[in-house]
Amino acid sequence: WRDHFTQRLESEPELEFRSIHPSYRDVP
């Protein structure tokens, strides 16, 4: 599972700055 999660960042580097799910990017 370690590689499973690391692959997620490699596939979408923007998750460093925003939620991977677009609906949760403006939680108050």
PDB file of all heavy atoms in Angstrom:
ATOM      1  N   TRP A   1       0.824  -1.213   0.000  1.00  0.00           N
ATOM      2  CA  TRP A   1       0.000   0.000   0.000  1.00  0.00           C
ATOM      3  C   TRP A   1       0.858   1.263   0.000  1.00  0.00           C
ATOM      4  O   TRP A   1       0.400   2.324  -0.425  1.00  0.00           O
ATOM      5  CB  TRP A   1      -0.932  -0.013   1.216  1.00  0.00           C
ATOM      6  CG  TRP A   1      -2.176  -0.795   0.963  1.00  0.00           C
ATOM      7  CD1 TRP A   1      -2.361  -2.134   1.105  1.00  0.00           C
ATOM      8  CD2 TRP A   1      -3.425  -0.269   0.496  1.00  0.00           C
ATOM      9  NE1 TRP A   1      -3.648  -2.478   0.769  1.00  0.00           N
ATOM     10  CE2 TRP A   1      -4.327  -1.355   0.395  1.00  0.00           C
ATOM     11  CE3 TRP A   1      -3.869   1.014   0.174  1.00  0.00           C
ATOM     12  CZ2 TRP A   1      -5.635  -1.202  -0.027  1.00  0.00           C
ATOM     13  CZ3 TRP A   1      -5.184   1.161  -0.238  1.00  0.00           C
ATOM     14  CH2 TRP A   1      -6.044   0.069  -0.348  1.00  0.00           C
ATOM     15  N   ARG A   2       2.074   1.165   0.465  1.00  0.00           N
ATOM     16  CA  ARG A   2       2.964   2.329   0.427  1.00  0.00           C
ATOM     17  C   ARG A   2       3.131   2.826  -1.012  1.00  0.00           C
ATOM     18  O   ARG A   2       3.025   4.029  -1.283  1.00  0.00           O
ATOM     19  CB  ARG A   2       4.323   1.955   1.025  1.00  0.00           C
ATOM     20  CG  ARG A   2       5.327   3.080   1.016  1.00  0.00           C
ATOM     21  CD  ARG A   2       6.680   2.622   1.525  1.00  0.00           C
ATOM     22  NE  ARG A   2       7.610   3.731   1.452  1.00  0.00           N
ATOM     23  CZ  ARG A   2       7.743   4.673   2.369  1.00  0.00           C
ATOM     24  NH1 ARG A   2       7.004   4.631   3.456  1.00  0.00           N
ATOM     25  NH2 ARG A   2       8.609   5.653   2.218  1.00  0.00           N
ATOM     26  N   ASP A   3       3.370   1.906  -1.926  1.00  0.00           N
ATOM     27  CA  ASP A   3       3.493   2.293  -3.332  1.00  0.00           C
ATOM     28  C   ASP A   3       2.165   2.768  -3.903  1.00  0.00           C
ATOM     29  O   ASP A   3       2.128   3.653  -4.770  1.00  0.00           O
ATOM     30  CB  ASP A   3       4.009   1.107  -4.154  1.00  0.00           C
ATOM     31  CG  ASP A   3       5.521   0.970  -4.079  1.00  0.00           C
ATOM     32  OD1 ASP A   3       6.133   1.623  -3.213  1.00  0.00           O
ATOM     33  OD2 ASP A   3       6.093   0.203  -4.874  1.00  0.00           O
ATOM     34  N   HIS A   4       1.081   2.187  -3.429  1.00  0.00           N
ATOM     35  CA  HIS A   4      -0.252   2.607  -3.883  1.00  0.00           C
ATOM     36  C   HIS A   4      -0.458   4.102  -3.636  1.00  0.00           C
ATOM     37  O   HIS A   4      -0.913   4.835  -4.517  1.00  0.00           O
ATOM     38  CB  HIS A   4      -1.323   1.795  -3.150  1.00  0.00           C
ATOM     39  CG  HIS A   4      -2.704   2.348  -3.224  1.00  0.00           C
ATOM     40  ND1 HIS A   4      -3.541   2.118  -4.296  1.00  0.00           N
ATOM     41  CD2 HIS A   4      -3.403   3.135  -2.364  1.00  0.00           C
ATOM     42  CE1 HIS A   4      -4.705   2.733  -4.087  1.00  0.00           C
ATOM     43  NE2 HIS A   4      -4.638   3.349  -2.926  1.00  0.00           N
ATOM     44  N   PHE A   5      -0.110   4.572  -2.455  1.00  0.00           N
ATOM     45  CA  PHE A   5      -0.309   5.982  -2.132  1.00  0.00           C
ATOM     46  C   PHE A   5       0.726   6.876  -2.797  1.00  0.00           C
ATOM     47  O   PHE A   5       0.409   7.989  -3.233  1.00  0.00           O
ATOM     48  CB  PHE A   5      -0.301   6.178  -0.612  1.00  0.00           C
ATOM     49  CG  PHE A   5      -1.544   5.656   0.045  1.00  0.00           C
ATOM     50  CD1 PHE A   5      -1.490   4.557   0.875  1.00  0.00           C
ATOM     51  CD2 PHE A   5      -2.766   6.250  -0.188  1.00  0.00           C
ATOM     52  CE1 PHE A   5      -2.637   4.052   1.463  1.00  0.00           C
ATOM     53  CE2 PHE A   5      -3.922   5.759   0.400  1.00  0.00           C
ATOM     54  CZ  PHE A   5      -3.861   4.654   1.228  1.00  0.00           C
ATOM     55  N   THR A   6       1.957   6.403  -2.892  1.00  0.00           N
ATOM     56  CA  THR A   6       2.983   7.203  -3.559  1.00  0.00           C
ATOM     57  C   THR A   6       2.636   7.398  -5.027  1.00  0.00           C
ATOM     58  O   THR A   6       2.864   8.466  -5.598  1.00  0.00           O
ATOM     59  CB  THR A   6       4.358   6.531  -3.414  1.00  0.00           C
ATOM     60  OG1 THR A   6       4.641   6.332  -2.027  1.00  0.00           O
ATOM     61  CG2 THR A   6       5.451   7.392  -4.024  1.00  0.00           C
ATOM     62  N   GLN A   7       2.075   6.356  -5.647  1.00  0.00           N
ATOM     63  CA  GLN A   7       1.664   6.470  -7.048  1.00  0.00           C
ATOM     64  C   GLN A   7       0.612   7.553  -7.231  1.00  0.00           C
ATOM     65  O   GLN A   7       0.562   8.235  -8.255  1.00  0.00           O
ATOM     66  CB  GLN A   7       1.114   5.134  -7.542  1.00  0.00           C
ATOM     67  CG  GLN A   7       0.733   5.124  -9.016  1.00  0.00           C
ATOM     68  CD  GLN A   7       1.935   5.258  -9.929  1.00  0.00           C
ATOM     69  OE1 GLN A   7       2.796   4.389  -9.955  1.00  0.00           O
ATOM     70  NE2 GLN A   7       2.016   6.349 -10.672  1.00  0.00           N
ATOM     71  N   ARG A   8      -0.219   7.739  -6.237  1.00  0.00           N
ATOM     72  CA  ARG A   8      -1.265   8.756  -6.324  1.00  0.00           C
ATOM     73  C   ARG A   8      -0.659  10.156  -6.461  1.00  0.00           C
ATOM     74  O   ARG A   8      -1.115  10.964  -7.263  1.00  0.00           O
ATOM     75  CB  ARG A   8      -2.173   8.677  -5.085  1.00  0.00           C
ATOM     76  CG  ARG A   8      -3.454   9.453  -5.191  1.00  0.00           C
ATOM     77  CD  ARG A   8      -4.297   9.290  -3.931  1.00  0.00           C
ATOM     78  NE  ARG A   8      -4.881   7.966  -3.834  1.00  0.00           N
ATOM     79  CZ  ARG A   8      -5.610   7.553  -2.790  1.00  0.00           C
ATOM     80  NH1 ARG A   8      -5.792   8.365  -1.752  1.00  0.00           N
ATOM     81  NH2 ARG A   8      -6.125   6.337  -2.773  1.00  0.00           N
ATOM     82  N   LEU A   9       0.388  10.451  -5.688  1.00  0.00           N
ATOM     83  CA  LEU A   9       1.044  11.748  -5.801  1.00  0.00           C
ATOM     84  C   LEU A   9       1.778  11.867  -7.125  1.00  0.00           C
ATOM     85  O   LEU A   9       1.757  12.931  -7.759  1.00  0.00           O
ATOM     86  CB  LEU A   9       2.023  11.964  -4.646  1.00  0.00           C
ATOM     87  CG  LEU A   9       2.822  13.268  -4.681  1.00  0.00           C
ATOM     88  CD1 LEU A   9       1.905  14.484  -4.634  1.00  0.00           C
ATOM     89  CD2 LEU A   9       3.832  13.330  -3.536  1.00  0.00           C
ATOM     90  N   GLU A  10       2.419  10.792  -7.563  1.00  0.00           N
ATOM     91  CA  GLU A  10       3.117  10.814  -8.845  1.00  0.00           C
ATOM     92  C   GLU A  10       2.138  11.066  -9.989  1.00  0.00           C
ATOM     93  O   GLU A  10       2.455  11.785 -10.945  1.00  0.00           O
ATOM     94  CB  GLU A  10       3.839   9.486  -9.066  1.00  0.00           C
ATOM     95  CG  GLU A  10       4.535   9.346 -10.408  1.00  0.00           C
ATOM     96  CD  GLU A  10       5.631  10.365 -10.628  1.00  0.00           C
ATOM     97  OE1 GLU A  10       6.351  10.700  -9.667  1.00  0.00           O
ATOM     98  OE2 GLU A  10       5.788  10.828 -11.779  1.00  0.00           O
ATOM     99  N   SER A  11       0.949  10.504  -9.890  1.00  0.00           N
ATOM    100  CA  SER A  11      -0.048  10.667 -10.942  1.00  0.00           C
ATOM    101  C   SER A  11      -0.726  12.022 -10.898  1.00  0.00           C
ATOM    102  O   SER A  11      -1.206  12.514 -11.931  1.00  0.00           O
ATOM    103  CB  SER A  11      -1.108   9.561 -10.835  1.00  0.00           C
ATOM    104  OG  SER A  11      -0.531   8.278 -10.957  1.00  0.00           O
ATOM    105  N   GLU A  12      -0.795  12.624  -9.722  1.00  0.00           N
ATOM    106  CA  GLU A  12      -1.452  13.926  -9.590  1.00  0.00           C
ATOM    107  C   GLU A  12      -0.693  14.810  -8.599  1.00  0.00           C
ATOM    108  O   GLU A  12      -1.073  14.924  -7.430  1.00  0.00           O
ATOM    109  CB  GLU A  12      -2.908  13.759  -9.141  1.00  0.00           C
ATOM    110  CG  GLU A  12      -3.696  15.047  -9.205  1.00  0.00           C
ATOM    111  CD  GLU A  12      -5.196  14.824  -9.201  1.00  0.00           C
ATOM    112  OE1 GLU A  12      -5.637  13.696  -9.441  1.00  0.00           O
ATOM    113  OE2 GLU A  12      -5.928  15.794  -8.972  1.00  0.00           O
ATOM    114  N   PRO A  13       0.400  15.438  -9.039  1.00  0.00           N
ATOM    115  CA  PRO A  13       1.221  16.260  -8.142  1.00  0.00           C
ATOM    116  C   PRO A  13       0.461  17.407  -7.490  1.00  0.00           C
ATOM    117  O   PRO A  13       0.874  17.890  -6.437  1.00  0.00           O
ATOM    118  CB  PRO A  13       2.328  16.785  -9.072  1.00  0.00           C
ATOM    119  CG  PRO A  13       2.378  15.819 -10.207  1.00  0.00           C
ATOM    120  CD  PRO A  13       0.969  15.351 -10.398  1.00  0.00           C
ATOM    121  N   GLU A  14      -0.655  17.839  -8.087  1.00  0.00           N
ATOM    122  CA  GLU A  14      -1.409  18.959  -7.538  1.00  0.00           C
ATOM    123  C   GLU A  14      -2.030  18.658  -6.181  1.00  0.00           C
ATOM    124  O   GLU A  14      -2.468  19.577  -5.495  1.00  0.00           O
ATOM    125  CB  GLU A  14      -2.503  19.381  -8.525  1.00  0.00           C
ATOM    126  CG  GLU A  14      -1.998  20.203  -9.703  1.00  0.00           C
ATOM    127  CD  GLU A  14      -1.360  21.513  -9.265  1.00  0.00           C
ATOM    128  OE1 GLU A  14      -2.011  22.252  -8.507  1.00  0.00           O
ATOM    129  OE2 GLU A  14      -0.220  21.783  -9.651  1.00  0.00           O
ATOM    130  N   LEU A  15      -2.076  17.376  -5.783  1.00  0.00           N
ATOM    131  CA  LEU A  15      -2.701  17.095  -4.487  1.00  0.00           C
ATOM    132  C   LEU A  15      -1.868  17.633  -3.323  1.00  0.00           C
ATOM    133  O   LEU A  15      -2.303  17.618  -2.178  1.00  0.00           O
ATOM    134  CB  LEU A  15      -2.998  15.610  -4.326  1.00  0.00           C
ATOM    135  CG  LEU A  15      -1.892  14.566  -4.192  1.00  0.00           C
ATOM    136  CD1 LEU A  15      -1.327  14.498  -2.791  1.00  0.00           C
ATOM    137  CD2 LEU A  15      -2.436  13.206  -4.580  1.00  0.00           C
ATOM    138  N   GLU A  16      -0.664  18.140  -3.612  1.00  0.00           N
ATOM    139  CA  GLU A  16       0.100  18.851  -2.587  1.00  0.00           C
ATOM    140  C   GLU A  16      -0.596  20.148  -2.195  1.00  0.00           C
ATOM    141  O   GLU A  16      -0.465  20.619  -1.063  1.00  0.00           O
ATOM    142  CB  GLU A  16       1.511  19.152  -3.094  1.00  0.00           C
ATOM    143  CG  GLU A  16       2.374  19.921  -2.105  1.00  0.00           C
ATOM    144  CD  GLU A  16       3.764  20.219  -2.637  1.00  0.00           C
ATOM    145  OE1 GLU A  16       4.145  19.678  -3.710  1.00  0.00           O
ATOM    146  OE2 GLU A  16       4.489  20.994  -1.979  1.00  0.00           O
ATOM    147  N   PHE A  17      -1.347  20.709  -3.120  1.00  0.00           N
ATOM    148  CA  PHE A  17      -1.921  22.042  -2.917  1.00  0.00           C
ATOM    149  C   PHE A  17      -3.434  22.057  -2.815  1.00  0.00           C
ATOM    150  O   PHE A  17      -4.014  23.035  -2.359  1.00  0.00           O
ATOM    151  CB  PHE A  17      -1.501  22.955  -4.075  1.00  0.00           C
ATOM    152  CG  PHE A  17      -0.030  22.970  -4.327  1.00  0.00           C
ATOM    153  CD1 PHE A  17       0.510  22.332  -5.437  1.00  0.00           C
ATOM    154  CD2 PHE A  17       0.836  23.594  -3.435  1.00  0.00           C
ATOM    155  CE1 PHE A  17       1.879  22.333  -5.665  1.00  0.00           C
ATOM    156  CE2 PHE A  17       2.202  23.597  -3.652  1.00  0.00           C
ATOM    157  CZ  PHE A  17       2.724  22.968  -4.773  1.00  0.00           C
ATOM    158  N   ARG A  18      -4.094  20.990  -3.228  1.00  0.00           N
ATOM    159  CA  ARG A  18      -5.561  20.987  -3.194  1.00  0.00           C
ATOM    160  C   ARG A  18      -6.056  19.570  -2.984  1.00  0.00           C
ATOM    161  O   ARG A  18      -5.355  18.597  -3.261  1.00  0.00           O
ATOM    162  CB  ARG A  18      -6.123  21.554  -4.494  1.00  0.00           C
ATOM    163  CG  ARG A  18      -5.802  20.716  -5.724  1.00  0.00           C
ATOM    164  CD  ARG A  18      -6.276  21.377  -6.997  1.00  0.00           C
ATOM    165  NE  ARG A  18      -6.135  20.461  -8.150  1.00  0.00           N
ATOM    166  CZ  ARG A  18      -6.395  20.808  -9.407  1.00  0.00           C
ATOM    167  NH1 ARG A  18      -6.780  22.054  -9.669  1.00  0.00           N
ATOM    168  NH2 ARG A  18      -6.262  19.930 -10.379  1.00  0.00           N
ATOM    169  N   SER A  19      -7.280  19.470  -2.511  1.00  0.00           N
ATOM    170  CA  SER A  19      -7.881  18.168  -2.283  1.00  0.00           C
ATOM    171  C   SER A  19      -7.939  17.377  -3.580  1.00  0.00           C
ATOM    172  O   SER A  19      -8.212  17.922  -4.651  1.00  0.00           O
ATOM    173  CB  SER A  19      -9.294  18.338  -1.716  1.00  0.00           C
ATOM    174  OG  SER A  19      -9.996  17.119  -1.761  1.00  0.00           O
ATOM    175  N   ILE A  20      -7.697  16.088  -3.469  1.00  0.00           N
ATOM    176  CA  ILE A  20      -7.778  15.224  -4.635  1.00  0.00           C
ATOM    177  C   ILE A  20      -9.204  15.182  -5.183  1.00  0.00           C
ATOM    178  O   ILE A  20      -9.423  14.908  -6.352  1.00  0.00           O
ATOM    179  CB  ILE A  20      -7.288  13.805  -4.249  1.00  0.00           C
ATOM    180  CG1 ILE A  20      -6.989  12.969  -5.479  1.00  0.00           C
ATOM    181  CG2 ILE A  20      -8.277  13.099  -3.342  1.00  0.00           C
ATOM    182  CD1 ILE A  20      -6.321  11.636  -5.160  1.00  0.00           C
ATOM    183  N   HIS A  21     -10.174  15.469  -4.322  1.00  0.00           N
ATOM    184  CA  HIS A  21     -11.589  15.484  -4.707  1.00  0.00           C
ATOM    185  C   HIS A  21     -12.037  16.941  -4.856  1.00  0.00           C
ATOM    186  O   HIS A  21     -11.962  17.721  -3.916  1.00  0.00           O
ATOM    187  CB  HIS A  21     -12.431  14.793  -3.632  1.00  0.00           C
ATOM    188  CG  HIS A  21     -13.820  14.461  -4.049  1.00  0.00           C
ATOM    189  ND1 HIS A  21     -14.744  15.428  -4.385  1.00  0.00           N
ATOM    190  CD2 HIS A  21     -14.464  13.267  -4.179  1.00  0.00           C
ATOM    191  CE1 HIS A  21     -15.890  14.841  -4.702  1.00  0.00           C
ATOM    192  NE2 HIS A  21     -15.739  13.530  -4.589  1.00  0.00           N
ATOM    193  N   PRO A  22     -12.509  17.346  -6.046  1.00  0.00           N
ATOM    194  CA  PRO A  22     -12.824  18.761  -6.280  1.00  0.00           C
ATOM    195  C   PRO A  22     -13.923  19.329  -5.383  1.00  0.00           C
ATOM    196  O   PRO A  22     -13.920  20.531  -5.105  1.00  0.00           O
ATOM    197  CB  PRO A  22     -13.256  18.786  -7.751  1.00  0.00           C
ATOM    198  CG  PRO A  22     -13.650  17.384  -8.068  1.00  0.00           C
ATOM    199  CD  PRO A  22     -12.757  16.525  -7.241  1.00  0.00           C
ATOM    200  N   SER A  23     -14.824  18.501  -4.897  1.00  0.00           N
ATOM    201  CA  SER A  23     -15.936  19.020  -4.086  1.00  0.00           C
ATOM    202  C   SER A  23     -15.503  19.440  -2.691  1.00  0.00           C
ATOM    203  O   SER A  23     -16.254  20.135  -1.991  1.00  0.00           O
ATOM    204  CB  SER A  23     -17.048  17.970  -3.984  1.00  0.00           C
ATOM    205  OG  SER A  23     -17.594  17.680  -5.250  1.00  0.00           O
ATOM    206  N   TYR A  24     -14.287  19.036  -2.263  1.00  0.00           N
ATOM    207  CA  TYR A  24     -13.836  19.344  -0.900  1.00  0.00           C
ATOM    208  C   TYR A  24     -12.742  20.406  -0.874  1.00  0.00           C
ATOM    209  O   TYR A  24     -11.980  20.488   0.081  1.00  0.00           O
ATOM    210  CB  TYR A  24     -13.323  18.068  -0.228  1.00  0.00           C
ATOM    211  CG  TYR A  24     -14.389  17.032   0.011  1.00  0.00           C
ATOM    212  CD1 TYR A  24     -14.700  16.104  -0.969  1.00  0.00           C
ATOM    213  CD2 TYR A  24     -15.090  16.972   1.212  1.00  0.00           C
ATOM    214  CE1 TYR A  24     -15.683  15.139  -0.771  1.00  0.00           C
ATOM    215  CE2 TYR A  24     -16.067  16.019   1.431  1.00  0.00           C
ATOM    216  CZ  TYR A  24     -16.364  15.109   0.431  1.00  0.00           C
ATOM    217  OH  TYR A  24     -17.330  14.158   0.636  1.00  0.00           O
ATOM    218  N   ARG A  25     -12.668  21.205  -1.906  1.00  0.00           N
ATOM    219  CA  ARG A  25     -11.592  22.206  -1.977  1.00  0.00           C
ATOM    220  C   ARG A  25     -11.943  23.521  -1.299  1.00  0.00           C
ATOM    221  O   ARG A  25     -11.095  24.413  -1.225  1.00  0.00           O
ATOM    222  CB  ARG A  25     -11.199  22.432  -3.445  1.00  0.00           C
ATOM    223  CG  ARG A  25     -10.492  21.211  -4.025  1.00  0.00           C
ATOM    224  CD  ARG A  25     -10.221  21.291  -5.494  1.00  0.00           C
ATOM    225  NE  ARG A  25      -9.642  20.030  -5.973  1.00  0.00           N
ATOM    226  CZ  ARG A  25      -9.521  19.680  -7.241  1.00  0.00           C
ATOM    227  NH1 ARG A  25      -9.940  20.518  -8.197  1.00  0.00           N
ATOM    228  NH2 ARG A  25      -8.998  18.525  -7.576  1.00  0.00           N
ATOM    229  N   ASP A  26     -13.168  23.647  -0.824  1.00  0.00           N
ATOM    230  CA  ASP A  26     -13.576  24.886  -0.153  1.00  0.00           C
ATOM    231  C   ASP A  26     -14.234  24.605   1.185  1.00  0.00           C
ATOM    232  O   ASP A  26     -15.199  25.268   1.570  1.00  0.00           O
ATOM    233  CB  ASP A  26     -14.541  25.679  -1.056  1.00  0.00           C
ATOM    234  CG  ASP A  26     -13.884  26.132  -2.352  1.00  0.00           C
ATOM    235  OD1 ASP A  26     -12.800  26.733  -2.270  1.00  0.00           O
ATOM    236  OD2 ASP A  26     -14.445  25.868  -3.431  1.00  0.00           O
ATOM    237  N   VAL A  27     -13.715  23.640   1.929  1.00  0.00           N
ATOM    238  CA  VAL A  27     -14.226  23.361   3.272  1.00  0.00           C
ATOM    239  C   VAL A  27     -13.978  24.595   4.148  1.00  0.00           C
ATOM    240  O   VAL A  27     -12.867  25.147   4.132  1.00  0.00           O
ATOM    241  CB  VAL A  27     -13.535  22.117   3.869  1.00  0.00           C
ATOM    242  CG1 VAL A  27     -13.993  21.879   5.306  1.00  0.00           C
ATOM    243  CG2 VAL A  27     -13.820  20.897   3.007  1.00  0.00           C
ATOM    244  N   PRO A  28     -14.968  25.050   4.897  1.00  0.00           N
ATOM    245  CA  PRO A  28     -14.816  26.311   5.660  1.00  0.00           C
ATOM    246  C   PRO A  28     -14.006  26.155   6.948  1.00  0.00           C
ATOM    247  O   PRO A  28     -14.518  26.248   8.065  1.00  0.00           O
ATOM    248  CB  PRO A  28     -16.276  26.687   5.974  1.00  0.00           C
ATOM    249  CG  PRO A  28     -16.994  25.377   6.040  1.00  0.00           C
ATOM    250  CD  PRO A  28     -16.346  24.499   5.001  1.00  0.00           C
TER     251      PRO A  28
END
